[in-house]
Amino acid sequence: MHGLCMVSTTNMKKLGRNDLLALAAIFVLVLISLIMPREMEGENDKYWFFSRLLTETGSFAVPGRSPLYTIYLNLFRWMGYPASVIMEYVITALITLTSLYLFCRKFAEASSSFIITISWMPYLLFFCTPQVHLLSIASVF
């Protein structure tokens, strides 16, 4: 009976010192990416508007347009603009890049996984819009 409730940890690797350093470096790189000038794309703006409508009306404006992401954005709305947009960018980027790093780590060493992750970083952070795509990519890993 207890065997059904237990989670097997035999396939999980523990994060070593190199992994923690790589994840810390990814965090710093995400913060540095905030320096790069970028404007909110139209699609991102729409999702923030949908989030506002959800808060004000209690219903989804367009149910087919990622209601989970709309709820996710509401986690940041209390901060106000522009802090909410910046914090959502940082958290979403960290979720995506950490997922990518851990996925690569299944097949390669820490240094190779780090290089692969930072190689994808410019595309994922600056050209992948709307931000909801980053979370969908992270769910694949």
N, C-alpha and C. Protein backbone atom coordinates (compact mmCIF):
# COMPACT_ATOMS: atom_id res chain seq x y z
N MET A 1 0.82 -1.19 0.00
CA MET A 1 0.00 0.00 0.00
C MET A 1 0.86 1.26 0.00
N HIS A 2 1.93 1.24 0.77
CA HIS A 2 2.80 2.41 0.83
C HIS A 2 3.57 2.60 -0.46
N GLY A 3 3.79 1.56 -1.23
CA GLY A 3 4.54 1.65 -2.47
C GLY A 3 3.86 2.52 -3.52
N LEU A 4 2.54 2.61 -3.45
CA LEU A 4 1.81 3.42 -4.41
C LEU A 4 1.99 4.91 -4.16
N CYS A 5 2.22 5.29 -2.94
CA CYS A 5 2.31 6.70 -2.58
C CYS A 5 3.74 7.24 -2.62
N MET A 6 4.71 6.37 -2.69
CA MET A 6 6.10 6.81 -2.63
C MET A 6 6.59 7.25 -4.00
N VAL A 7 7.41 8.25 -4.01
CA VAL A 7 8.00 8.76 -5.25
C VAL A 7 9.41 8.19 -5.36
N SER A 8 9.72 7.64 -6.51
CA SER A 8 11.05 7.07 -6.72
C SER A 8 12.04 8.18 -7.01
N THR A 9 13.14 8.18 -6.28
CA THR A 9 14.17 9.20 -6.48
C THR A 9 15.43 8.60 -7.10
N THR A 10 15.34 7.40 -7.62
CA THR A 10 16.54 6.77 -8.17
C THR A 10 17.01 7.44 -9.45
N ASN A 11 16.09 8.05 -10.23
CA ASN A 11 16.47 8.69 -11.48
C ASN A 11 16.84 10.16 -11.31
N MET A 12 16.64 10.69 -10.13
CA MET A 12 16.92 12.11 -9.90
C MET A 12 18.36 12.29 -9.45
N LYS A 13 19.04 13.24 -10.08
CA LYS A 13 20.39 13.58 -9.67
C LYS A 13 20.33 14.71 -8.67
N LYS A 14 21.26 14.71 -7.73
CA LYS A 14 21.36 15.84 -6.82
C LYS A 14 22.16 16.94 -7.51
N LEU A 15 21.79 18.16 -7.23
CA LEU A 15 22.53 19.27 -7.80
C LEU A 15 23.86 19.43 -7.07
N GLY A 16 24.91 19.45 -7.84
CA GLY A 16 26.24 19.63 -7.28
C GLY A 16 26.64 21.09 -7.24
N ARG A 17 27.85 21.32 -6.80
CA ARG A 17 28.37 22.69 -6.70
C ARG A 17 28.39 23.38 -8.05
N ASN A 18 28.82 22.67 -9.10
CA ASN A 18 28.85 23.26 -10.44
C ASN A 18 27.46 23.62 -10.94
N ASP A 19 26.47 22.80 -10.61
CA ASP A 19 25.10 23.10 -11.01
C ASP A 19 24.59 24.36 -10.32
N LEU A 20 24.88 24.46 -9.04
CA LEU A 20 24.44 25.65 -8.30
C LEU A 20 25.12 26.91 -8.81
N LEU A 21 26.40 26.80 -9.17
CA LEU A 21 27.10 27.95 -9.75
C LEU A 21 26.50 28.32 -11.10
N ALA A 22 26.19 27.33 -11.91
CA ALA A 22 25.59 27.60 -13.22
C ALA A 22 24.22 28.26 -13.06
N LEU A 23 23.41 27.78 -12.13
CA LEU A 23 22.09 28.38 -11.92
C LEU A 23 22.21 29.80 -11.37
N ALA A 24 23.20 30.03 -10.52
CA ALA A 24 23.43 31.39 -10.01
C ALA A 24 23.86 32.32 -11.15
N ALA A 25 24.71 31.81 -12.03
CA ALA A 25 25.16 32.61 -13.18
C ALA A 25 23.98 32.90 -14.11
N ILE A 26 23.10 31.95 -14.30
CA ILE A 26 21.91 32.17 -15.13
C ILE A 26 21.04 33.27 -14.51
N PHE A 27 20.89 33.23 -13.20
CA PHE A 27 20.13 34.27 -12.50
C PHE A 27 20.74 35.65 -12.73
N VAL A 28 22.05 35.75 -12.60
CA VAL A 28 22.74 37.03 -12.82
C VAL A 28 22.58 37.49 -14.27
N LEU A 29 22.68 36.55 -15.21
CA LEU A 29 22.53 36.91 -16.62
C LEU A 29 21.11 37.39 -16.93
N VAL A 30 20.12 36.79 -16.29
CA VAL A 30 18.75 37.26 -16.49
C VAL A 30 18.61 38.69 -15.96
N LEU A 31 19.20 38.97 -14.81
CA LEU A 31 19.15 40.33 -14.28
C LEU A 31 19.88 41.32 -15.19
N ILE A 32 21.02 40.89 -15.75
CA ILE A 32 21.75 41.75 -16.69
C ILE A 32 20.92 42.00 -17.95
N SER A 33 20.14 41.01 -18.36
CA SER A 33 19.32 41.17 -19.56
C SER A 33 18.28 42.28 -19.40
N LEU A 34 18.00 42.66 -18.17
CA LEU A 34 17.05 43.77 -17.95
C LEU A 34 17.60 45.09 -18.47
N ILE A 35 18.91 45.18 -18.59
CA ILE A 35 19.55 46.41 -19.09
C ILE A 35 19.23 46.63 -20.56
N MET A 36 19.08 45.54 -21.30
CA MET A 36 18.80 45.63 -22.73
C MET A 36 17.47 46.34 -22.96
N PRO A 37 17.46 47.33 -23.84
CA PRO A 37 16.19 48.02 -24.09
C PRO A 37 15.22 47.11 -24.83
N ARG A 38 14.03 47.03 -24.32
CA ARG A 38 13.00 46.25 -24.99
C ARG A 38 11.65 46.81 -24.61
N GLU A 39 10.75 46.75 -25.55
CA GLU A 39 9.40 47.22 -25.31
C GLU A 39 8.47 46.03 -25.23
N MET A 40 7.37 46.24 -24.56
CA MET A 40 6.40 45.17 -24.46
C MET A 40 5.71 45.02 -25.81
N GLU A 41 5.76 43.81 -26.33
CA GLU A 41 5.12 43.52 -27.62
C GLU A 41 3.61 43.58 -27.48
N GLY A 42 2.94 43.70 -28.59
CA GLY A 42 1.49 43.77 -28.60
C GLY A 42 0.82 42.57 -27.98
N GLU A 43 1.37 41.38 -28.23
CA GLU A 43 0.79 40.17 -27.66
C GLU A 43 0.91 40.16 -26.14
N ASN A 44 2.06 40.57 -25.62
CA ASN A 44 2.22 40.64 -24.17
C ASN A 44 1.26 41.65 -23.57
N ASP A 45 1.10 42.77 -24.25
CA ASP A 45 0.19 43.81 -23.79
C ASP A 45 -1.24 43.27 -23.71
N LYS A 46 -1.64 42.47 -24.69
CA LYS A 46 -2.98 41.88 -24.68
C LYS A 46 -3.16 40.98 -23.47
N TYR A 47 -2.16 40.17 -23.15
CA TYR A 47 -2.28 39.27 -22.01
C TYR A 47 -2.39 40.04 -20.70
N TRP A 48 -1.65 41.14 -20.58
CA TRP A 48 -1.77 41.97 -19.39
C TRP A 48 -3.16 42.60 -19.31
N PHE A 49 -3.71 42.97 -20.46
CA PHE A 49 -5.08 43.50 -20.48
C PHE A 49 -6.08 42.42 -20.07
N PHE A 50 -5.89 41.20 -20.57
CA PHE A 50 -6.76 40.09 -20.18
C PHE A 50 -6.68 39.85 -18.67
N SER A 51 -5.49 40.00 -18.13
CA SER A 51 -5.29 39.84 -16.69
C SER A 51 -6.06 40.91 -15.91
N ARG A 52 -6.01 42.12 -16.41
CA ARG A 52 -6.75 43.22 -15.78
C ARG A 52 -8.25 42.96 -15.83
N LEU A 53 -8.73 42.49 -16.98
CA LEU A 53 -10.16 42.19 -17.11
C LEU A 53 -10.56 41.07 -16.16
N LEU A 54 -9.72 40.08 -15.99
CA LEU A 54 -10.01 38.99 -15.07
C LEU A 54 -10.13 39.53 -13.65
N THR A 55 -9.25 40.43 -13.27
CA THR A 55 -9.28 41.03 -11.94
C THR A 55 -10.55 41.86 -11.74
N GLU A 56 -10.89 42.65 -12.75
CA GLU A 56 -12.02 43.57 -12.62
C GLU A 56 -13.38 42.90 -12.78
N THR A 57 -13.47 41.93 -13.69
CA THR A 57 -14.78 41.33 -13.98
C THR A 57 -14.94 39.92 -13.43
N GLY A 58 -13.84 39.25 -13.17
CA GLY A 58 -13.92 37.88 -12.67
C GLY A 58 -14.13 36.85 -13.76
N SER A 59 -14.03 37.27 -15.01
CA SER A 59 -14.19 36.32 -16.11
C SER A 59 -13.06 36.52 -17.13
N PHE A 60 -12.85 35.50 -17.92
CA PHE A 60 -11.81 35.54 -18.94
C PHE A 60 -12.35 36.25 -20.18
N ALA A 61 -11.57 37.19 -20.70
CA ALA A 61 -12.00 37.94 -21.89
C ALA A 61 -12.10 37.02 -23.09
N VAL A 62 -11.07 36.23 -23.32
CA VAL A 62 -11.03 35.28 -24.43
C VAL A 62 -10.55 33.95 -23.85
N PRO A 63 -11.48 33.04 -23.52
CA PRO A 63 -11.09 31.79 -22.86
C PRO A 63 -10.07 30.96 -23.65
N GLY A 64 -10.04 31.11 -24.95
CA GLY A 64 -9.10 30.35 -25.77
C GLY A 64 -7.68 30.89 -25.75
N ARG A 65 -7.46 32.03 -25.11
CA ARG A 65 -6.14 32.67 -25.09
C ARG A 65 -5.45 32.44 -23.75
N SER A 66 -5.05 31.23 -23.49
CA SER A 66 -4.26 30.83 -22.34
C SER A 66 -4.78 31.38 -21.01
N PRO A 67 -5.88 30.83 -20.51
CA PRO A 67 -6.39 31.31 -19.22
C PRO A 67 -5.43 31.06 -18.06
N LEU A 68 -4.63 30.00 -18.13
CA LEU A 68 -3.66 29.75 -17.06
C LEU A 68 -2.60 30.86 -16.99
N TYR A 69 -2.17 31.33 -18.15
CA TYR A 69 -1.19 32.41 -18.18
C TYR A 69 -1.82 33.71 -17.67
N THR A 70 -3.09 33.92 -17.96
CA THR A 70 -3.79 35.10 -17.46
C THR A 70 -3.85 35.07 -15.93
N ILE A 71 -4.10 33.91 -15.37
CA ILE A 71 -4.09 33.76 -13.91
C ILE A 71 -2.68 33.98 -13.38
N TYR A 72 -1.69 33.44 -14.06
CA TYR A 72 -0.28 33.61 -13.68
C TYR A 72 0.09 35.10 -13.61
N LEU A 73 -0.35 35.87 -14.59
CA LEU A 73 -0.06 37.30 -14.60
C LEU A 73 -0.70 38.02 -13.41
N ASN A 74 -1.83 37.52 -12.95
CA ASN A 74 -2.48 38.14 -11.80
C ASN A 74 -1.65 38.02 -10.53
N LEU A 75 -0.73 37.07 -10.50
CA LEU A 75 0.17 36.95 -9.34
C LEU A 75 1.07 38.18 -9.21
N PHE A 76 1.28 38.88 -10.31
CA PHE A 76 2.20 40.03 -10.32
C PHE A 76 1.49 41.38 -10.34
N ARG A 77 0.21 41.40 -10.61
CA ARG A 77 -0.51 42.67 -10.78
C ARG A 77 -0.49 43.55 -9.55
N TRP A 78 -0.40 42.98 -8.37
CA TRP A 78 -0.43 43.77 -7.13
C TRP A 78 0.76 44.73 -7.02
N MET A 79 1.83 44.44 -7.77
CA MET A 79 3.02 45.28 -7.71
C MET A 79 2.87 46.58 -8.49
N GLY A 80 1.93 46.61 -9.40
CA GLY A 80 1.76 47.81 -10.23
C GLY A 80 2.76 47.82 -11.38
N TYR A 81 2.48 48.71 -12.33
CA TYR A 81 3.34 48.86 -13.49
C TYR A 81 4.46 49.83 -13.16
N PRO A 82 5.68 49.64 -13.54
CA PRO A 82 6.29 48.60 -14.37
C PRO A 82 6.88 47.43 -13.58
N ALA A 83 6.81 47.49 -12.24
CA ALA A 83 7.41 46.43 -11.43
C ALA A 83 6.80 45.06 -11.74
N SER A 84 5.49 45.01 -11.98
CA SER A 84 4.84 43.73 -12.27
C SER A 84 5.36 43.12 -13.56
N VAL A 85 5.55 43.93 -14.58
CA VAL A 85 6.03 43.44 -15.87
C VAL A 85 7.48 42.96 -15.74
N ILE A 86 8.30 43.70 -15.02
CA ILE A 86 9.70 43.32 -14.84
C ILE A 86 9.81 42.03 -14.03
N MET A 87 9.05 41.94 -12.94
CA MET A 87 9.13 40.74 -12.11
C MET A 87 8.61 39.51 -12.85
N GLU A 88 7.56 39.69 -13.62
CA GLU A 88 7.05 38.55 -14.42
C GLU A 88 8.09 38.11 -15.43
N TYR A 89 8.77 39.05 -16.06
CA TYR A 89 9.82 38.73 -17.02
C TYR A 89 10.93 37.92 -16.34
N VAL A 90 11.38 38.38 -15.17
CA VAL A 90 12.47 37.71 -14.46
C VAL A 90 12.05 36.30 -14.04
N ILE A 91 10.89 36.16 -13.44
CA ILE A 91 10.44 34.85 -12.96
C ILE A 91 10.22 33.89 -14.13
N THR A 92 9.58 34.36 -15.19
CA THR A 92 9.34 33.51 -16.36
C THR A 92 10.66 33.10 -17.01
N ALA A 93 11.59 34.04 -17.13
CA ALA A 93 12.91 33.72 -17.70
C ALA A 93 13.64 32.69 -16.84
N LEU A 94 13.58 32.85 -15.52
CA LEU A 94 14.26 31.90 -14.64
C LEU A 94 13.63 30.51 -14.71
N ILE A 95 12.31 30.44 -14.78
CA ILE A 95 11.65 29.14 -14.91
C ILE A 95 12.08 28.46 -16.21
N THR A 96 12.07 29.21 -17.29
CA THR A 96 12.40 28.64 -18.60
C THR A 96 13.87 28.22 -18.68
N LEU A 97 14.77 29.11 -18.29
CA LEU A 97 16.19 28.80 -18.42
C LEU A 97 16.63 27.73 -17.43
N THR A 98 16.06 27.71 -16.24
CA THR A 98 16.36 26.63 -15.30
C THR A 98 15.87 25.30 -15.82
N SER A 99 14.69 25.28 -16.40
CA SER A 99 14.16 24.05 -16.99
C SER A 99 15.05 23.57 -18.14
N LEU A 100 15.47 24.49 -18.99
CA LEU A 100 16.35 24.12 -20.09
C LEU A 100 17.67 23.57 -19.57
N TYR A 101 18.25 24.23 -18.57
CA TYR A 101 19.52 23.77 -18.00
C TYR A 101 19.36 22.36 -17.41
N LEU A 102 18.30 22.14 -16.63
CA LEU A 102 18.10 20.83 -16.01
C LEU A 102 17.81 19.76 -17.05
N PHE A 103 17.13 20.13 -18.12
CA PHE A 103 16.91 19.17 -19.20
C PHE A 103 18.23 18.79 -19.85
N CYS A 104 19.05 19.77 -20.17
CA CYS A 104 20.36 19.49 -20.78
C CYS A 104 21.25 18.69 -19.84
N ARG A 105 21.06 18.92 -18.56
CA ARG A 105 21.88 18.26 -17.55
C ARG A 105 21.65 16.75 -17.53
N LYS A 106 20.49 16.31 -18.03
CA LYS A 106 20.22 14.87 -18.11
C LYS A 106 21.16 14.19 -19.10
N PHE A 107 21.68 14.96 -20.06
CA PHE A 107 22.46 14.37 -21.14
C PHE A 107 23.91 14.85 -21.19
N ALA A 108 24.23 15.93 -20.48
CA ALA A 108 25.57 16.51 -20.58
C ALA A 108 26.05 16.98 -19.20
N GLU A 109 27.33 17.29 -19.16
CA GLU A 109 27.93 17.81 -17.93
C GLU A 109 27.44 19.23 -17.65
N ALA A 110 27.73 19.72 -16.47
CA ALA A 110 27.27 21.04 -16.05
C ALA A 110 27.77 22.15 -16.98
N SER A 111 29.04 22.10 -17.34
CA SER A 111 29.59 23.17 -18.18
C SER A 111 28.95 23.18 -19.56
N SER A 112 28.77 22.02 -20.15
CA SER A 112 28.12 21.94 -21.47
C SER A 112 26.66 22.39 -21.39
N SER A 113 25.98 21.99 -20.35
CA SER A 113 24.57 22.40 -20.17
C SER A 113 24.47 23.90 -20.00
N PHE A 114 25.41 24.49 -19.28
CA PHE A 114 25.41 25.94 -19.09
C PHE A 114 25.64 26.66 -20.42
N ILE A 115 26.57 26.18 -21.20
CA ILE A 115 26.86 26.81 -22.50
C ILE A 115 25.65 26.70 -23.43
N ILE A 116 25.01 25.55 -23.44
CA ILE A 116 23.81 25.38 -24.27
C ILE A 116 22.72 26.34 -23.81
N THR A 117 22.53 26.45 -22.52
CA THR A 117 21.48 27.32 -21.97
C THR A 117 21.73 28.78 -22.31
N ILE A 118 22.95 29.25 -22.11
CA ILE A 118 23.20 30.67 -22.41
C ILE A 118 23.23 30.93 -23.91
N SER A 119 23.48 29.88 -24.71
CA SER A 119 23.41 30.05 -26.16
C SER A 119 21.96 30.30 -26.61
N TRP A 120 21.02 29.66 -25.95
CA TRP A 120 19.62 29.83 -26.28
C TRP A 120 19.02 31.09 -25.64
N MET A 121 19.70 31.62 -24.66
CA MET A 121 19.16 32.74 -23.88
C MET A 121 18.74 33.95 -24.72
N PRO A 122 19.57 34.45 -25.65
CA PRO A 122 19.14 35.62 -26.43
C PRO A 122 17.85 35.38 -27.21
N TYR A 123 17.74 34.23 -27.85
CA TYR A 123 16.52 33.94 -28.61
C TYR A 123 15.31 33.85 -27.68
N LEU A 124 15.45 33.10 -26.61
CA LEU A 124 14.31 32.90 -25.72
C LEU A 124 13.86 34.18 -25.05
N LEU A 125 14.80 35.01 -24.64
CA LEU A 125 14.42 36.21 -23.88
C LEU A 125 14.05 37.40 -24.75
N PHE A 126 14.61 37.49 -25.95
CA PHE A 126 14.39 38.71 -26.73
C PHE A 126 13.52 38.50 -27.98
N PHE A 127 13.41 37.28 -28.46
CA PHE A 127 12.67 37.07 -29.70
C PHE A 127 11.45 36.18 -29.55
N CYS A 128 11.32 35.53 -28.43
CA CYS A 128 10.20 34.61 -28.20
C CYS A 128 9.07 35.39 -27.53
N THR A 129 8.11 35.82 -28.33
CA THR A 129 6.99 36.56 -27.78
C THR A 129 5.69 35.91 -28.22
N PRO A 130 4.69 35.97 -27.43
CA PRO A 130 4.57 36.55 -26.10
C PRO A 130 5.25 35.67 -25.05
N GLN A 131 5.35 36.19 -23.84
CA GLN A 131 6.04 35.49 -22.77
C GLN A 131 5.43 34.14 -22.46
N VAL A 132 4.16 33.96 -22.75
CA VAL A 132 3.50 32.68 -22.50
C VAL A 132 4.21 31.55 -23.24
N HIS A 133 4.87 31.86 -24.35
CA HIS A 133 5.62 30.85 -25.09
C HIS A 133 6.79 30.32 -24.28
N LEU A 134 7.39 31.17 -23.46
CA LEU A 134 8.50 30.71 -22.62
C LEU A 134 8.03 29.66 -21.63
N LEU A 135 6.87 29.89 -21.03
CA LEU A 135 6.37 28.91 -20.08
C LEU A 135 5.97 27.62 -20.78
N SER A 136 5.46 27.71 -22.00
CA SER A 136 5.13 26.49 -22.73
C SER A 136 6.36 25.72 -23.11
N ILE A 137 7.44 26.41 -23.43
CA ILE A 137 8.72 25.74 -23.72
C ILE A 137 9.24 25.07 -22.46
N ALA A 138 9.14 25.76 -21.33
CA ALA A 138 9.62 25.20 -20.05
C ALA A 138 8.87 23.94 -19.68
N SER A 139 7.59 23.86 -20.03
CA SER A 139 6.80 22.67 -19.67
C SER A 139 7.22 21.44 -20.48
N VAL A 140 7.85 21.66 -21.61
CA VAL A 140 8.32 20.53 -22.44
C VAL A 140 9.48 19.84 -21.77
N PHE A 141 10.33 20.63 -21.11
CA PHE A 141 11.53 20.07 -20.49
C PHE A 141 11.17 19.36 -19.22
